[in-house]
Amino acid sequence: MIDPDSRYASVARKTLTETGPDGRPREVAHLGRRLIPRPEAMQVLGEITVAPEERLDTLTARAGADPAAFWRLADANATIDPAELERPGRRLVLALPGLGGAGGAGGAGTGGGEEG
């Protein structure tokens, strides 16, 4: 079960049928691919500057969010590797998904949404 606050909560659940080691078919459950939402489709709330030696969980808490939701900072700043967010002095955008500017939440490449 996936937590409703997880970044994967809206990702489609899929099933793959493959041949098992015994030669019989077996089903493997998995999640579809989660694509990063486009930052321009988000509502910007403000910015926060990373302090020296600050971790993602403390950064996210300082921004007023659940420390386990650091992935929202990564999405708002178009970052695949969350460690990039911990660079001291970096200014990070604080944003809410799917509420902002033109273009919507979908897209290709690093755009948002789910793959079907």
N, C-alpha and C. Protein backbone atom coordinates (compact mmCIF):
# COMPACT_ATOMS: atom_id res chain seq x y z
N MET A 1 0.84 -1.19 0.00
CA MET A 1 0.00 0.00 0.00
C MET A 1 0.88 1.24 0.00
N ILE A 2 0.48 2.22 -0.76
CA ILE A 2 1.24 3.46 -0.87
C ILE A 2 0.55 4.54 -0.05
N ASP A 3 1.32 5.24 0.76
CA ASP A 3 0.80 6.32 1.58
C ASP A 3 0.16 7.38 0.67
N PRO A 4 -0.99 7.92 1.04
CA PRO A 4 -1.66 8.92 0.20
C PRO A 4 -0.84 10.20 0.01
N ASP A 5 0.12 10.47 0.89
CA ASP A 5 0.97 11.66 0.76
C ASP A 5 2.24 11.38 -0.04
N SER A 6 2.41 10.14 -0.49
CA SER A 6 3.61 9.77 -1.24
C SER A 6 3.61 10.39 -2.63
N ARG A 7 4.80 10.62 -3.18
CA ARG A 7 4.90 11.11 -4.55
C ARG A 7 4.37 10.09 -5.55
N TYR A 8 4.20 8.85 -5.13
CA TYR A 8 3.71 7.80 -6.01
C TYR A 8 2.22 7.51 -5.85
N ALA A 9 1.53 8.28 -5.01
CA ALA A 9 0.12 8.02 -4.73
C ALA A 9 -0.76 8.05 -5.97
N SER A 10 -0.45 8.91 -6.93
CA SER A 10 -1.29 9.03 -8.13
C SER A 10 -0.74 8.26 -9.33
N VAL A 11 0.35 7.53 -9.13
CA VAL A 11 0.94 6.77 -10.22
C VAL A 11 0.17 5.47 -10.42
N ALA A 12 -0.07 5.13 -11.67
CA ALA A 12 -0.85 3.93 -12.00
C ALA A 12 -0.14 2.66 -11.55
N ARG A 13 -0.94 1.74 -11.01
CA ARG A 13 -0.43 0.41 -10.65
C ARG A 13 -0.58 -0.46 -11.89
N LYS A 14 0.45 -1.24 -12.18
CA LYS A 14 0.43 -2.07 -13.38
C LYS A 14 0.80 -3.50 -13.02
N THR A 15 0.51 -4.40 -13.94
CA THR A 15 0.87 -5.81 -13.78
C THR A 15 1.55 -6.28 -15.05
N LEU A 16 2.64 -6.97 -14.87
CA LEU A 16 3.40 -7.54 -15.98
C LEU A 16 3.34 -9.06 -15.86
N THR A 17 3.02 -9.73 -16.95
CA THR A 17 3.05 -11.19 -16.93
C THR A 17 4.35 -11.63 -17.60
N GLU A 18 5.12 -12.45 -16.88
CA GLU A 18 6.39 -12.95 -17.40
C GLU A 18 6.50 -14.43 -17.12
N THR A 19 7.48 -15.04 -17.74
CA THR A 19 7.72 -16.46 -17.51
C THR A 19 8.64 -16.62 -16.32
N GLY A 20 8.19 -17.38 -15.33
CA GLY A 20 8.97 -17.61 -14.13
C GLY A 20 10.07 -18.64 -14.37
N PRO A 21 10.96 -18.84 -13.39
CA PRO A 21 12.05 -19.80 -13.53
C PRO A 21 11.57 -21.23 -13.76
N ASP A 22 10.34 -21.49 -13.35
CA ASP A 22 9.79 -22.84 -13.55
C ASP A 22 9.10 -22.99 -14.91
N GLY A 23 9.16 -21.92 -15.74
CA GLY A 23 8.56 -21.97 -17.07
C GLY A 23 7.10 -21.59 -17.12
N ARG A 24 6.49 -21.39 -15.96
CA ARG A 24 5.07 -21.02 -15.91
C ARG A 24 4.94 -19.49 -15.85
N PRO A 25 3.84 -18.96 -16.39
CA PRO A 25 3.64 -17.51 -16.32
C PRO A 25 3.38 -17.06 -14.88
N ARG A 26 3.88 -15.88 -14.55
CA ARG A 26 3.62 -15.29 -13.24
C ARG A 26 3.41 -13.80 -13.42
N GLU A 27 2.61 -13.23 -12.53
CA GLU A 27 2.32 -11.80 -12.58
C GLU A 27 3.21 -11.06 -11.60
N VAL A 28 3.74 -9.94 -12.08
CA VAL A 28 4.58 -9.08 -11.25
C VAL A 28 3.90 -7.71 -11.19
N ALA A 29 3.55 -7.29 -9.98
CA ALA A 29 2.91 -5.97 -9.80
C ALA A 29 4.00 -4.90 -9.70
N HIS A 30 3.75 -3.75 -10.30
CA HIS A 30 4.69 -2.63 -10.24
C HIS A 30 3.96 -1.32 -10.47
N LEU A 31 4.67 -0.23 -10.25
CA LEU A 31 4.12 1.10 -10.50
C LEU A 31 4.58 1.59 -11.86
N GLY A 32 3.72 2.38 -12.49
CA GLY A 32 4.11 3.04 -13.72
C GLY A 32 5.17 4.09 -13.41
N ARG A 33 5.73 4.67 -14.42
CA ARG A 33 6.78 5.67 -14.23
C ARG A 33 6.18 6.99 -13.78
N ARG A 34 6.81 7.63 -12.80
CA ARG A 34 6.41 8.94 -12.33
C ARG A 34 7.30 9.98 -12.99
N LEU A 35 6.70 10.88 -13.73
CA LEU A 35 7.45 11.95 -14.38
C LEU A 35 7.42 13.20 -13.51
N ILE A 36 8.49 13.96 -13.57
CA ILE A 36 8.59 15.17 -12.76
C ILE A 36 7.67 16.24 -13.35
N PRO A 37 6.83 16.87 -12.50
CA PRO A 37 5.96 17.94 -13.00
C PRO A 37 6.78 19.13 -13.49
N ARG A 38 6.25 19.86 -14.43
CA ARG A 38 6.93 21.06 -14.93
C ARG A 38 6.81 22.17 -13.90
N PRO A 39 7.93 22.80 -13.53
CA PRO A 39 7.87 23.88 -12.54
C PRO A 39 6.95 25.03 -12.93
N GLU A 40 6.84 25.33 -14.22
CA GLU A 40 5.98 26.45 -14.63
C GLU A 40 4.50 26.14 -14.43
N ALA A 41 4.16 24.89 -14.15
CA ALA A 41 2.77 24.52 -13.89
C ALA A 41 2.45 24.57 -12.40
N MET A 42 3.40 25.07 -11.59
CA MET A 42 3.21 25.11 -10.14
C MET A 42 2.98 26.54 -9.66
N GLN A 43 2.30 26.65 -8.53
CA GLN A 43 2.08 27.95 -7.91
C GLN A 43 3.23 28.21 -6.95
N VAL A 44 4.03 29.23 -7.27
CA VAL A 44 5.19 29.58 -6.44
C VAL A 44 4.71 30.28 -5.18
N LEU A 45 5.20 29.79 -4.03
CA LEU A 45 4.83 30.37 -2.73
C LEU A 45 5.93 31.27 -2.18
N GLY A 46 7.16 31.02 -2.60
CA GLY A 46 8.28 31.79 -2.10
C GLY A 46 9.59 31.08 -2.37
N GLU A 47 10.63 31.50 -1.66
CA GLU A 47 11.96 30.90 -1.80
C GLU A 47 12.56 30.67 -0.43
N ILE A 48 13.54 29.77 -0.38
CA ILE A 48 14.27 29.49 0.84
C ILE A 48 15.73 29.28 0.44
N THR A 49 16.66 29.77 1.27
CA THR A 49 18.08 29.60 1.00
C THR A 49 18.64 28.50 1.88
N VAL A 50 19.42 27.62 1.27
CA VAL A 50 19.99 26.48 1.98
C VAL A 50 21.14 26.95 2.88
N ALA A 51 21.05 26.61 4.16
CA ALA A 51 22.08 26.95 5.13
C ALA A 51 23.20 25.91 5.08
N PRO A 52 24.41 26.27 5.54
CA PRO A 52 25.50 25.29 5.56
C PRO A 52 25.11 24.05 6.37
N GLU A 53 25.47 22.89 5.85
CA GLU A 53 25.24 21.58 6.49
C GLU A 53 23.76 21.25 6.69
N GLU A 54 22.88 21.93 6.00
CA GLU A 54 21.45 21.65 6.14
C GLU A 54 21.08 20.42 5.33
N ARG A 55 20.25 19.57 5.92
CA ARG A 55 19.77 18.35 5.27
C ARG A 55 18.38 18.60 4.68
N LEU A 56 18.00 17.71 3.76
CA LEU A 56 16.69 17.85 3.11
C LEU A 56 15.54 17.83 4.10
N ASP A 57 15.60 16.96 5.10
CA ASP A 57 14.49 16.89 6.05
C ASP A 57 14.36 18.18 6.85
N THR A 58 15.48 18.77 7.29
CA THR A 58 15.39 20.01 8.06
C THR A 58 15.03 21.19 7.17
N LEU A 59 15.50 21.18 5.93
CA LEU A 59 15.15 22.22 4.96
C LEU A 59 13.65 22.22 4.71
N THR A 60 13.11 21.03 4.49
CA THR A 60 11.67 20.90 4.21
C THR A 60 10.85 21.32 5.42
N ALA A 61 11.29 20.92 6.62
CA ALA A 61 10.58 21.33 7.84
C ALA A 61 10.64 22.84 8.03
N ARG A 62 11.80 23.44 7.74
CA ARG A 62 11.94 24.90 7.87
C ARG A 62 11.03 25.62 6.90
N ALA A 63 10.76 24.98 5.76
CA ALA A 63 9.85 25.56 4.76
C ALA A 63 8.38 25.39 5.17
N GLY A 64 8.14 24.66 6.27
CA GLY A 64 6.78 24.50 6.78
C GLY A 64 6.07 23.27 6.26
N ALA A 65 6.82 22.31 5.76
CA ALA A 65 6.21 21.10 5.22
C ALA A 65 6.65 19.87 6.01
N ASP A 66 6.02 18.76 5.73
CA ASP A 66 6.39 17.48 6.32
C ASP A 66 7.81 17.14 5.88
N PRO A 67 8.74 16.88 6.80
CA PRO A 67 10.12 16.56 6.42
C PRO A 67 10.24 15.39 5.46
N ALA A 68 9.29 14.48 5.47
CA ALA A 68 9.33 13.34 4.54
C ALA A 68 8.91 13.74 3.13
N ALA A 69 8.43 14.96 2.96
CA ALA A 69 7.96 15.42 1.65
C ALA A 69 9.02 16.25 0.92
N PHE A 70 10.29 15.96 1.16
CA PHE A 70 11.38 16.67 0.50
C PHE A 70 11.25 16.62 -1.02
N TRP A 71 10.61 15.59 -1.52
CA TRP A 71 10.44 15.42 -2.97
C TRP A 71 9.66 16.57 -3.59
N ARG A 72 8.84 17.25 -2.80
CA ARG A 72 8.12 18.42 -3.33
C ARG A 72 9.10 19.54 -3.67
N LEU A 73 10.15 19.69 -2.85
CA LEU A 73 11.19 20.68 -3.17
C LEU A 73 11.92 20.27 -4.45
N ALA A 74 12.21 18.99 -4.59
CA ALA A 74 12.89 18.51 -5.79
C ALA A 74 12.02 18.78 -7.03
N ASP A 75 10.73 18.50 -6.95
CA ASP A 75 9.84 18.75 -8.08
C ASP A 75 9.79 20.24 -8.43
N ALA A 76 9.64 21.10 -7.44
CA ALA A 76 9.53 22.54 -7.67
C ALA A 76 10.80 23.13 -8.26
N ASN A 77 11.93 22.46 -8.04
CA ASN A 77 13.21 22.97 -8.52
C ASN A 77 13.78 22.12 -9.65
N ALA A 78 12.92 21.32 -10.29
CA ALA A 78 13.28 20.49 -11.44
C ALA A 78 14.56 19.71 -11.21
N THR A 79 14.65 19.08 -10.05
CA THR A 79 15.83 18.32 -9.67
C THR A 79 15.50 16.84 -9.56
N ILE A 80 16.26 16.03 -10.27
CA ILE A 80 16.09 14.59 -10.18
C ILE A 80 16.84 14.04 -8.98
N ASP A 81 18.05 14.58 -8.72
CA ASP A 81 18.89 14.13 -7.60
C ASP A 81 18.67 15.06 -6.42
N PRO A 82 17.93 14.62 -5.39
CA PRO A 82 17.64 15.49 -4.25
C PRO A 82 18.88 16.03 -3.54
N ALA A 83 20.01 15.35 -3.65
CA ALA A 83 21.24 15.84 -3.01
C ALA A 83 21.66 17.20 -3.56
N GLU A 84 21.27 17.51 -4.80
CA GLU A 84 21.57 18.82 -5.38
C GLU A 84 20.92 19.97 -4.60
N LEU A 85 19.86 19.65 -3.88
CA LEU A 85 19.14 20.68 -3.12
C LEU A 85 19.88 21.10 -1.86
N GLU A 86 20.85 20.32 -1.43
CA GLU A 86 21.55 20.58 -0.17
C GLU A 86 22.78 21.48 -0.31
N ARG A 87 22.99 22.05 -1.49
CA ARG A 87 24.15 22.90 -1.72
C ARG A 87 23.98 24.23 -0.97
N PRO A 88 24.85 24.53 0.02
CA PRO A 88 24.73 25.76 0.80
C PRO A 88 24.69 27.01 -0.09
N GLY A 89 23.78 27.91 0.24
CA GLY A 89 23.61 29.15 -0.50
C GLY A 89 22.63 29.05 -1.65
N ARG A 90 22.26 27.85 -2.04
CA ARG A 90 21.30 27.69 -3.14
C ARG A 90 19.94 28.20 -2.71
N ARG A 91 19.31 28.95 -3.60
CA ARG A 91 17.95 29.44 -3.35
C ARG A 91 16.98 28.45 -4.00
N LEU A 92 16.07 27.94 -3.19
CA LEU A 92 15.10 26.96 -3.67
C LEU A 92 13.71 27.58 -3.76
N VAL A 93 13.00 27.22 -4.79
CA VAL A 93 11.62 27.65 -4.97
C VAL A 93 10.72 26.77 -4.12
N LEU A 94 9.78 27.39 -3.42
CA LEU A 94 8.73 26.67 -2.69
C LEU A 94 7.47 26.79 -3.54
N ALA A 95 6.86 25.67 -3.89
CA ALA A 95 5.71 25.71 -4.78
C ALA A 95 4.73 24.59 -4.48
N LEU A 96 3.51 24.80 -4.92
CA LEU A 96 2.46 23.77 -4.84
C LEU A 96 2.23 23.24 -6.24
N PRO A 97 2.07 21.92 -6.40
CA PRO A 97 1.90 21.34 -7.73
C PRO A 97 0.55 21.63 -8.35
N GLY A 98 0.55 21.76 -9.68
CA GLY A 98 -0.68 21.81 -10.45
C GLY A 98 -1.57 23.00 -10.26
N LEU A 99 -1.08 24.09 -9.65
CA LEU A 99 -1.95 25.24 -9.40
C LEU A 99 -1.49 26.49 -10.13
N GLY A 100 -0.33 26.44 -10.75
CA GLY A 100 0.28 27.65 -11.29
C GLY A 100 -0.03 27.93 -12.73
N GLY A 101 0.96 28.58 -13.35
CA GLY A 101 0.88 29.16 -14.68
C GLY A 101 0.40 28.26 -15.79
N ALA A 102 0.59 28.78 -17.01
CA ALA A 102 0.10 28.11 -18.21
C ALA A 102 0.85 26.81 -18.46
N GLY A 103 0.23 25.94 -19.21
CA GLY A 103 0.91 24.74 -19.64
C GLY A 103 0.42 23.48 -18.97
N GLY A 104 -0.26 23.59 -17.85
CA GLY A 104 -0.79 22.39 -17.19
C GLY A 104 0.29 21.57 -16.55
N ALA A 105 -0.08 20.43 -15.99
CA ALA A 105 0.85 19.59 -15.24
C ALA A 105 1.47 18.49 -16.08
N GLY A 106 0.98 18.26 -17.27
CA GLY A 106 1.50 17.17 -18.09
C GLY A 106 2.72 17.60 -18.88
N GLY A 107 3.19 16.69 -19.70
CA GLY A 107 4.30 17.04 -20.56
C GLY A 107 5.13 15.87 -20.92
N ALA A 108 6.13 16.15 -21.73
CA ALA A 108 7.03 15.09 -22.18
C ALA A 108 8.40 15.29 -21.56
N GLY A 109 9.28 14.33 -21.74
CA GLY A 109 10.63 14.43 -21.21
C GLY A 109 10.58 14.45 -19.71
N THR A 110 10.97 15.58 -19.10
CA THR A 110 10.93 15.68 -17.65
C THR A 110 9.62 16.29 -17.18
N GLY A 111 8.62 16.39 -18.04
CA GLY A 111 7.34 16.97 -17.67
C GLY A 111 6.58 16.08 -16.71
N GLY A 112 5.39 16.50 -16.31
CA GLY A 112 4.67 15.80 -15.25
C GLY A 112 3.64 14.81 -15.72
N GLY A 113 3.09 14.13 -14.75
CA GLY A 113 2.03 13.19 -15.01
C GLY A 113 2.50 11.76 -14.94
N GLU A 114 1.67 10.87 -15.43
CA GLU A 114 1.99 9.45 -15.42
C GLU A 114 2.10 8.95 -16.85
N GLU A 115 2.88 7.93 -16.99
CA GLU A 115 2.98 7.25 -18.27
C GLU A 115 1.96 6.12 -18.28
N GLY A 116 1.23 5.97 -19.38
CA GLY A 116 0.18 4.96 -19.45
C GLY A 116 0.60 3.61 -19.84
